[in-house]
C-alpha cells in the first residue's frame, strides 16, 4: 500500500516565506518540502493554489447554531454535531475546540443542554471514527452561575478538555456593560420590560454573592490539571490585572483597546474574533480587531460563530502583515497557545493537516482539506 501523497505546483505558505514548490506526505506527517515542481507520475497538481497548514480554531460556538438553527427549532443533537464537523472541515479547520457553555444565568438553559449532549455526541462519534476534524473541548464557564461548578466537575477529567475560559455575562459588566444594550437584546428575545428589570437586579445580586468564591474554586480546579485557561471579554485594565495575578495567560476577545494592550503588557496572549476582521468591525460595538492587529495586540484569531471566517481573516490580514504571518494567526499561533506542538506549520515532521486555497476576486476559497494525511474535504 502506497502511503505517500505528493502535492505539487502549489504556493506553499511556510512559517517565514512563500515557496512555489512541492509538499510530500508520508503516512500522517509532512515528509518533505521541495522548492520545485515534482515530475513524479503520482504527483497531484495544485494548479498554483495556496497550500497552508490546517486551521486551528480555539473557540467556536458553531455547534450551538446547528443545534438551534431557529429560536424555536431545536435540531437533533448528534445530527447537529455531524453538520458542525462537516462545516468546520469544509472551512479548512482541521482542529476544533468546541466552546460549550457551562452555567445558566437565566437565559441559557438550552446552552447547558447543548453542553451535556455535545460531550456525549463527541465521544460517540469519535469512537466510531466519523468526525472529519479533530475536536477538543473548550469549557466556557459562566462564573456567577449557580450551576457552573457542578457542570465543570462533571467533565473536568475528560481527556478532550484542553481549554477553559472564565466568562461573566452578568448585566452591567464585560460584554454587557451597556445596560441599554442588554435590555434591547432581551427585548428582542421576547421578554417584557418588567421581567428584564427584575432579572437585572437578581443577576447583579447573584454576581455579588458568587463571583469571587466561584472564581477561586474554579481556578483551584484548573490548577490541578494541564488545561489552557483564558479570560473572556476583558473590558478594563483592572480586570486584566486581576486575571494576570491569578495566572491566566490568555485574554480571549477583549472588548476594548485598553484591555488588549494591558493584556499584552502583562505577558498574556490575545485571541480576537475573525468575524470582526471579515465584517470590518464588531457586531456589538466593541473594539475593531483590525485596530488590535495594527497595534500589535493580537496573537491569534478564533472563529467565534463563523468557521469560514478564519481563512478569510488570514488572507485579509496578509495585506497588512504579510501572508506567512497572517496565516500563522489561524494555524501555528492558536495551536501553540493551546499546547499543540505537532501541527500548524508546513515543515517536515508536523502533522499533515493541510488546506488548499484559491483566491477568487480576492476571496479565499477552500478547495481541498487533509487531516493527518487523509483527505477529509
Protein backbone atom coordinates (compact mmCIF):
# COMPACT_ATOMS: atom_id res chain seq x y z
CA UNK A 1 0.00 0.00 0.00
CA UNK A 2 1.36 3.40 -1.03
CA UNK A 3 1.10 5.84 1.90
CA UNK A 4 2.83 8.70 0.06
CA UNK A 5 0.97 11.70 -1.35
CA UNK A 6 2.73 14.33 -3.45
CA UNK A 7 1.15 17.79 -3.79
CA UNK A 8 2.93 19.78 -6.47
CA UNK A 9 2.71 23.12 -8.26
CA UNK A 10 1.47 24.83 -5.11
CA UNK A 11 2.33 28.09 -3.37
CA UNK A 12 3.43 26.74 0.00
CA UNK A 13 2.85 29.16 2.86
CA UNK A 14 5.83 28.37 5.09
CA UNK A 15 6.46 29.90 8.54
CA UNK A 16 8.58 32.75 7.17
CA UNK A 17 8.05 32.79 3.41
CA UNK A 18 6.04 31.51 0.48
CA UNK A 19 7.53 28.96 -1.89
CA UNK A 20 6.29 27.69 -5.24
CA UNK A 21 7.02 24.01 -4.97
CA UNK A 22 6.02 20.57 -3.74
CA UNK A 23 4.97 19.03 -0.44
CA UNK A 24 5.27 15.29 0.24
CA UNK A 25 3.09 13.46 2.78
CA UNK A 26 4.10 10.07 4.15
CA UNK A 27 1.59 8.46 6.45
CA UNK A 28 0.14 11.16 8.68
CA UNK A 29 3.15 13.50 8.55
CA UNK A 30 4.71 16.06 6.27
CA UNK A 31 7.87 14.36 4.96
CA UNK A 32 9.39 16.88 2.55
CA UNK A 33 9.04 20.47 1.38
CA UNK A 34 10.71 20.91 -2.02
CA UNK A 35 11.47 24.18 -3.88
CA UNK A 36 10.45 22.85 -7.25
CA UNK A 37 7.65 21.21 -9.19
CA UNK A 38 7.61 17.42 -8.94
CA UNK A 39 7.98 15.29 -12.04
CA UNK A 40 6.78 12.14 -10.28
CA UNK A 41 3.85 10.43 -12.00
CA UNK A 42 1.56 10.22 -8.93
CA UNK A 43 2.01 13.90 -8.01
CA UNK A 44 -1.23 15.85 -7.67
CA UNK A 45 -1.21 19.19 -9.49
CA UNK A 46 -2.43 22.01 -7.22
CA UNK A 47 -2.77 24.39 -10.20
CA UNK A 48 -0.78 27.10 -8.44
CA UNK A 49 -3.19 27.28 -5.48
CA UNK A 50 -2.01 28.13 -1.98
CA UNK A 51 -1.27 25.33 0.46
CA UNK A 52 -1.44 26.25 4.14
CA UNK A 53 -1.32 24.29 7.37
CA UNK A 54 -4.65 23.09 8.75
CA UNK A 55 -6.50 25.81 10.64
CA UNK A 56 -6.77 25.57 14.42
CA UNK A 57 -9.89 27.14 15.94
CA UNK A 58 -9.65 27.58 19.71
CA UNK A 59 -13.21 28.92 20.13
CA UNK A 60 -16.26 28.16 18.05
CA UNK A 61 -19.92 28.36 19.05
CA UNK A 62 -20.94 26.87 15.71
CA UNK A 63 -22.39 23.73 17.30
CA UNK A 64 -24.97 25.89 19.09
CA UNK A 65 -26.05 27.30 15.74
CA UNK A 66 -26.54 23.82 14.31
CA UNK A 67 -28.42 22.64 17.40
CA UNK A 68 -30.76 25.63 17.29
CA UNK A 69 -30.97 26.94 13.70
CA UNK A 70 -34.13 28.87 14.65
CA UNK A 71 -35.08 30.29 18.04
CA UNK A 72 -37.92 27.78 18.44
CA UNK A 73 -36.48 24.91 16.39
CA UNK A 74 -34.06 22.57 18.17
CA UNK A 75 -32.26 20.10 15.90
CA UNK A 76 -31.35 16.52 16.96
CA UNK A 77 -28.01 16.90 18.74
CA UNK A 78 -25.95 14.19 17.06
CA UNK A 79 -27.09 15.28 13.62
CA UNK A 80 -26.11 18.84 14.60
CA UNK A 81 -22.64 17.68 15.66
CA UNK A 82 -22.09 15.94 12.31
CA UNK A 83 -23.19 19.07 10.43
CA UNK A 84 -20.96 21.26 12.60
CA UNK A 85 -17.97 18.99 11.98
CA UNK A 86 -18.56 18.99 8.22
CA UNK A 87 -18.78 22.81 8.13
CA UNK A 88 -15.53 23.15 10.05
CA UNK A 89 -13.68 20.74 7.76
CA UNK A 90 -15.06 22.43 4.64
CA UNK A 91 -13.74 25.74 6.02
CA UNK A 92 -10.23 24.29 6.38
CA UNK A 93 -10.48 23.90 10.16
CA UNK A 94 -8.77 20.61 10.99
CA UNK A 95 -8.56 21.18 14.76
CA UNK A 96 -11.69 22.40 16.53
CA UNK A 97 -12.17 23.49 20.12
CA UNK A 98 -15.91 23.16 20.68
CA UNK A 99 -16.74 26.04 23.02
CA UNK A 100 -19.57 24.75 25.19
CA UNK A 101 -21.28 26.90 27.82
CA UNK A 102 -21.33 25.75 31.45
CA UNK A 103 -23.75 27.71 33.61
CA UNK A 104 -27.15 29.33 33.24
CA UNK A 105 -27.78 32.97 34.11
CA UNK A 106 -31.48 32.61 33.50
CA UNK A 107 -31.39 32.73 29.70
CA UNK A 108 -29.04 29.85 28.87
CA UNK A 109 -30.83 26.57 29.67
CA UNK A 110 -30.60 25.47 26.04
CA UNK A 111 -26.84 26.11 26.05
CA UNK A 112 -26.40 23.86 29.08
CA UNK A 113 -28.36 21.14 27.30
CA UNK A 114 -26.11 21.61 24.26
CA UNK A 115 -23.07 21.14 26.51
CA UNK A 116 -24.39 17.90 28.03
CA UNK A 117 -25.47 16.45 24.67
CA UNK A 118 -22.34 17.68 22.91
CA UNK A 119 -19.96 15.77 25.18
CA UNK A 120 -21.95 12.55 24.73
CA UNK A 121 -22.13 13.01 20.96
CA UNK A 122 -18.45 13.84 20.65
CA UNK A 123 -17.50 10.67 22.49
CA UNK A 124 -19.79 8.52 20.37
CA UNK A 125 -18.69 9.96 17.03
CA UNK A 126 -15.02 9.82 18.00
CA UNK A 127 -15.37 6.17 18.99
CA UNK A 128 -16.89 5.49 15.58
CA UNK A 129 -14.13 7.47 13.79
CA UNK A 130 -16.78 9.53 11.99
CA UNK A 131 -15.50 13.07 12.51
CA UNK A 132 -13.57 14.85 9.78
CA UNK A 133 -11.77 17.34 12.06
CA UNK A 134 -10.11 16.64 15.38
CA UNK A 135 -12.25 18.02 18.20
CA UNK A 136 -11.31 19.17 21.69
CA UNK A 137 -13.46 20.67 24.43
CA UNK A 138 -13.29 24.33 25.42
CA UNK A 139 -15.33 24.81 28.58
CA UNK A 140 -16.87 28.29 28.71
CA UNK A 141 -17.51 28.70 32.43
CA UNK A 142 -20.14 31.28 33.38
CA UNK A 143 -18.52 32.17 36.70
CA UNK A 144 -21.51 33.73 38.56
CA UNK A 145 -23.91 30.93 37.54
CA UNK A 146 -25.19 28.76 40.38
CA UNK A 147 -24.71 25.50 38.44
CA UNK A 148 -21.29 26.24 36.89
CA UNK A 149 -19.03 24.31 39.28
CA UNK A 150 -21.24 21.23 39.24
CA UNK A 151 -21.19 21.20 35.45
CA UNK A 152 -17.42 21.68 35.37
CA UNK A 153 -16.87 18.81 37.79
CA UNK A 154 -18.91 16.51 35.57
CA UNK A 155 -16.30 16.74 32.77
CA UNK A 156 -13.18 18.10 34.44
CA UNK A 157 -11.21 14.90 33.81
CA UNK A 158 -12.45 14.25 30.29
CA UNK A 159 -9.44 13.58 28.05
CA UNK A 160 -10.62 16.09 25.42
CA UNK A 161 -10.81 19.08 27.78
CA UNK A 162 -7.91 21.30 26.71
CA UNK A 163 -9.12 24.82 27.38
CA UNK A 164 -11.24 26.70 29.92
CA UNK A 165 -12.40 30.31 29.75
CA UNK A 166 -13.82 32.35 32.60
CA UNK A 167 -16.89 34.27 31.47
CA UNK A 168 -19.17 36.75 33.15
CA UNK A 169 -22.24 37.70 31.16
CA UNK A 170 -23.98 39.40 34.06
CA UNK A 171 -25.76 42.65 33.15
CA UNK A 172 -23.57 45.68 33.73
CA UNK A 173 -20.14 44.11 33.14
CA UNK A 174 -17.93 42.88 30.29
CA UNK A 175 -19.81 42.33 27.05
CA UNK A 176 -22.96 43.73 28.69
CA UNK A 177 -21.51 46.78 30.43
CA UNK A 178 -24.06 48.86 28.50
CA UNK A 179 -27.35 48.06 30.23
CA UNK A 180 -29.41 49.66 27.46
CA UNK A 181 -27.78 47.23 25.00
CA UNK A 182 -28.56 44.38 27.40
CA UNK A 183 -32.19 45.44 27.72
CA UNK A 184 -32.60 45.71 23.96
CA UNK A 185 -31.08 42.25 23.49
CA UNK A 186 -33.53 40.70 25.95
CA UNK A 187 -36.47 42.55 24.38
CA UNK A 188 -35.53 41.03 21.03
CA UNK A 189 -35.78 37.68 22.79
CA UNK A 190 -39.45 38.42 23.51
CA UNK A 191 -39.16 39.34 27.19
CA UNK A 192 -41.26 42.00 28.89
CA UNK A 193 -39.63 45.09 30.41
CA UNK A 194 -40.79 44.33 33.97
CA UNK A 195 -39.25 40.86 33.85
CA UNK A 196 -36.00 42.19 32.35
CA UNK A 197 -35.60 44.80 35.10
CA UNK A 198 -36.28 42.24 37.81
CA UNK A 199 -33.77 39.79 36.34
CA UNK A 200 -31.11 42.50 36.04
CA UNK A 201 -31.36 43.18 39.77
CA UNK A 202 -31.43 39.47 40.62
CA UNK A 203 -28.40 38.66 38.46
CA UNK A 204 -26.40 41.59 39.79
CA UNK A 205 -27.09 40.44 43.37
CA UNK A 206 -26.22 36.86 42.44
CA UNK A 207 -22.93 38.01 40.93
CA UNK A 208 -22.09 39.90 44.10
CA UNK A 209 -22.52 36.67 46.11
CA UNK A 210 -20.97 34.10 43.79
CA UNK A 211 -18.31 35.63 41.56
CA UNK A 212 -15.33 35.56 43.91
CA UNK A 213 -15.93 32.16 45.57
CA UNK A 214 -16.79 30.52 42.24
CA UNK A 215 -13.74 32.05 40.57
CA UNK A 216 -11.41 30.85 43.31
CA UNK A 217 -12.89 27.35 43.30
CA UNK A 218 -12.69 27.10 39.50
CA UNK A 219 -9.10 28.33 39.33
CA UNK A 220 -8.13 25.83 42.04
CA UNK A 221 -9.64 23.01 39.99
CA UNK A 222 -7.89 24.16 36.80
CA UNK A 223 -4.54 24.39 38.59
CA UNK A 224 -4.74 20.66 39.30
CA UNK A 225 -4.94 19.86 35.59
CA UNK A 226 -2.96 20.64 32.44
CA UNK A 227 -5.51 22.93 30.80
CA UNK A 228 -5.05 26.24 28.97
CA UNK A 229 -7.02 28.97 30.75
CA UNK A 230 -8.37 32.21 29.31
CA UNK A 231 -10.32 35.21 30.47
CA UNK A 232 -13.23 36.32 28.29
CA UNK A 233 -14.46 39.74 27.16
CA UNK A 234 -11.97 41.76 29.22
CA UNK A 235 -13.02 45.41 29.30
CA UNK A 236 -10.78 47.22 31.79
CA UNK A 237 -7.15 47.26 32.80
CA UNK A 238 -8.24 46.30 36.32
CA UNK A 239 -9.90 43.12 35.03
CA UNK A 240 -6.75 42.22 33.12
CA UNK A 241 -4.59 42.84 36.20
CA UNK A 242 -6.78 40.51 38.25
CA UNK A 243 -6.54 37.80 35.60
CA UNK A 244 -2.78 38.12 35.25
CA UNK A 245 -2.36 37.97 39.03
CA UNK A 246 -4.34 34.72 39.04
CA UNK A 247 -2.04 33.16 36.44
CA UNK A 248 -4.43 33.43 33.50
CA UNK A 249 -2.23 33.84 30.42
CA UNK A 250 -4.79 34.20 27.59
CA UNK A 251 -7.19 37.10 27.05
CA UNK A 252 -9.98 35.98 24.76
CA UNK A 253 -11.97 38.59 22.82
CA UNK A 254 -11.02 41.73 24.81
CA UNK A 255 -13.69 44.32 24.11
CA UNK A 256 -11.53 47.44 24.42
CA UNK A 257 -8.13 48.52 23.15
CA UNK A 258 -7.09 49.35 26.72
CA UNK A 259 -7.78 45.80 27.88
CA UNK A 260 -5.94 44.24 24.93
CA UNK A 261 -2.88 46.43 25.44
CA UNK A 262 -2.90 45.73 29.18
CA UNK A 263 -3.06 42.00 28.45
CA UNK A 264 -0.05 42.20 26.15
CA UNK A 265 1.85 44.32 28.69
CA UNK A 266 1.14 41.64 31.30
CA UNK A 267 2.59 38.94 29.05
CA UNK A 268 -0.78 37.44 28.13
CA UNK A 269 -1.68 36.19 24.66
CA UNK A 270 -4.69 37.77 22.98
CA UNK A 271 -7.28 35.96 20.88
CA UNK A 272 -9.52 38.13 18.68
CA UNK A 273 -12.56 37.24 16.63
CA UNK A 274 -12.04 36.51 12.95
CA UNK A 275 -15.61 37.63 12.06
CA UNK A 276 -14.65 41.06 13.41
CA UNK A 277 -11.96 41.23 10.69
CA UNK A 278 -14.19 39.94 7.88
CA UNK A 279 -17.11 42.24 8.74
CA UNK A 280 -14.88 45.24 9.23
CA UNK A 281 -15.75 45.65 12.91
CA UNK A 282 -17.50 44.21 15.94
CA UNK A 283 -21.18 43.28 15.64
CA UNK A 284 -21.73 44.55 19.20
CA UNK A 285 -19.80 47.82 19.08
CA UNK A 286 -16.56 46.60 20.66
CA UNK A 287 -13.01 47.37 19.54
CA UNK A 288 -12.20 46.53 15.92
CA UNK A 289 -9.89 43.53 15.55
CA UNK A 290 -8.12 45.35 12.70
CA UNK A 291 -7.15 48.07 15.18
CA UNK A 292 -5.85 45.45 17.59
CA UNK A 293 -3.79 43.95 14.77
CA UNK A 294 -2.43 47.35 13.81
CA UNK A 295 -1.29 47.95 17.41
CA UNK A 296 0.32 44.53 17.73
CA UNK A 297 -2.26 43.38 20.28
CA UNK A 298 -3.38 40.13 18.59
CA UNK A 299 -1.69 36.73 18.81
CA UNK A 300 -4.37 34.52 17.24
CA UNK A 301 -7.84 34.54 15.75
CA UNK A 302 -10.79 32.30 16.61
CA UNK A 303 -13.93 31.85 14.53
CA UNK A 304 -16.37 32.57 17.39
CA UNK A 305 -19.50 31.93 15.31
CA UNK A 306 -18.46 31.54 11.60
CA UNK A 307 -15.94 28.76 10.81
CA UNK A 308 -15.13 30.13 7.36
CA UNK A 309 -14.15 33.49 8.84
CA UNK A 310 -10.69 32.18 9.77
CA UNK A 311 -9.35 31.62 6.26
CA UNK A 312 -10.93 34.89 5.11
CA UNK A 313 -9.45 36.85 8.01
CA UNK A 314 -5.99 35.42 7.37
CA UNK A 315 -5.93 36.45 3.72
CA UNK A 316 -7.38 39.88 4.52
CA UNK A 317 -4.68 40.48 7.11
CA UNK A 318 -1.98 39.40 4.65
CA UNK A 319 -2.19 42.84 3.07
CA UNK A 320 -1.09 44.38 6.37
CA UNK A 321 1.44 41.96 7.84
CA UNK A 322 2.36 39.51 5.06
CA UNK A 323 0.82 36.14 4.21
CA UNK A 324 3.04 33.85 6.35
CA UNK A 325 2.47 35.97 9.45
CA UNK A 326 -1.26 36.29 8.76
CA UNK A 327 -1.72 32.55 8.20
CA UNK A 328 0.16 31.86 11.44
CA UNK A 329 -2.62 33.73 13.30
CA UNK A 330 -5.04 30.90 12.43
CA UNK A 331 -2.61 27.96 12.37
CA UNK A 332 0.62 27.95 14.37
CA UNK A 333 -0.22 30.63 16.95
CA UNK A 334 -3.54 29.12 18.16
CA UNK A 335 -2.00 25.65 18.12
CA UNK A 336 0.85 26.74 20.38
CA UNK A 337 -1.27 28.69 22.86
CA UNK A 338 -3.45 25.58 23.19
CA UNK A 339 -0.39 23.42 23.83
CA UNK A 340 -0.40 21.61 20.47
CA UNK A 341 3.14 21.39 19.09
CA UNK A 342 2.55 18.80 16.35
CA UNK A 343 0.60 20.97 13.90
CA UNK A 344 0.28 24.49 12.47
CA UNK A 345 3.38 24.70 10.24
CA UNK A 346 4.31 23.38 6.81
CA UNK A 347 7.54 21.64 7.72
CA UNK A 348 8.80 18.03 7.91
CA UNK A 349 7.66 16.16 10.99
CA UNK A 350 4.48 18.18 11.51
CA UNK A 351 1.11 16.51 11.17
CA UNK A 352 -0.14 16.54 7.61
CA UNK A 353 -3.10 18.84 8.25
CA UNK A 354 -3.31 20.85 5.05
CA UNK A 355 -5.66 23.23 3.28
CA UNK A 356 -5.68 24.06 -0.42
CA UNK A 357 -6.92 27.61 -1.04
CA UNK A 358 -7.62 29.51 -4.26
CA UNK A 359 -8.16 33.25 -4.41
CA UNK A 360 -11.22 34.23 -6.45
CA UNK A 361 -11.53 38.00 -6.89
CA UNK A 362 -9.72 38.35 -3.58
CA UNK A 363 -11.93 35.81 -1.76
CA UNK A 364 -10.05 32.75 -0.43
CA UNK A 365 -11.96 29.61 -1.37
CA UNK A 366 -11.10 26.31 0.32
CA UNK A 367 -10.80 23.62 -2.33
CA UNK A 368 -9.34 20.60 -0.52
CA UNK A 369 -8.52 19.65 3.07
CA UNK A 370 -6.35 16.89 4.56
CA UNK A 371 -6.21 15.82 8.19
CA UNK A 372 -3.29 13.61 9.24
CA UNK A 373 -2.64 12.92 5.57
CA UNK A 374 -6.21 11.80 4.83
CA UNK A 375 -8.45 13.84 2.53
CA UNK A 376 -11.50 14.96 4.54
CA UNK A 377 -12.96 17.73 2.36
